[in-house]
Amino acid sequence: MKSLETGAPPPAWVETNSPGRVPSRTTGFLRQCLALAEMELRKLRHDPTELVTRAVQPALWLAIFGEVFTRIRAIPTGQLRYLDFMAPGVLAQSVLFIAIFYGIAVIWERDLGIVHKLLVSPASRAALVAGKALAAGVRGLTQGCTVYFLAWLLGVKINWHPAALAGVAVAVMLGAAAFSTFSLIVACIVKTRERFMGIGQILTMPLFFASNAVYPISIMPEWLKVVARVNPLTYEVDSMRALMVVDGRSLYGVGLDFLVLAAVTVALAAVASRLYPNLAQ
């Protein structure tokens, strides 16, 4: 079917009513999500230098902070070298920093009029949010490849088993989806780039340091342990630590880690879907 006005094929999220073809609601939703995610990923293809700039921060954490604290052995990490203990936390941090600032791109799209066009399209609000979350997850996977390469260069004992690699990919996707939808909620509330940048900077470091990314929960003060246990980043790091490195252990169980991340993602996506139209106002 072609557009009556232009003669061009309809967008990927538009359902056609061809005889004998009745697409299900689930199929339509998935097509809409994939179309939005593909649109987001074109930006990365047109500007691959972002991959290089994103690699600087994890390289500094691993090569400087990780190497120094491995030598002085100031943080008890059990049977793991500190660098091995820290590598999954650096990966989670990299994904967090990508996802938490995802909302500023949406504010930029609002200023360019792209959000208004998306809101009048046949795509549901939930599909718009899910598409953004999926694109953030794929961006997180590219960052994961970078961190894996840096960790391998520094001698981290990486678990290369296919099931472990797949598990880390799932953790990255869920973590990126959760924090990108949270970022979208913030963008829908503040609506300006300046306010968003201020709030984003306030949120990132507490989320990172109030987790088990760079030190175990056992050495935290009691009040910080409570904060760490309700921090989604803690569960992302916990699953990655069990899957990414040899002899890694999960404190809560990988299954529970994934369940918490999935539940947080669904809850935040539901809120973001309700607030998304407000961004255009």
Foldseek 3Di string as FASTA:
>chain_A
DADPVPRHRDQQLDDDDDPPDDDDPVVSLVSLLQSLLVVVCVVCVVPVVVLVVLLVVLLCCLVPVLVVCLVVVPADDDPFRLSLLQLLLSLLLSLLVLQLQLQLVVLVCLVVVNLVVVVPDPHALLSNLSSSLQNSLVVSVSSVVSSLVSSVVVPFAWDPPPVLVVLLSLLSSLSSLLNNLVNLLVCLVPLDNVVSVVVSVVPSVCLSVLAPNNHHLVPDPPVSNVVHVPRLSNLSSLLNQQRTGPPGHHPVDNVVNSVVSVVSSVVSSVSSSVRSVSSND
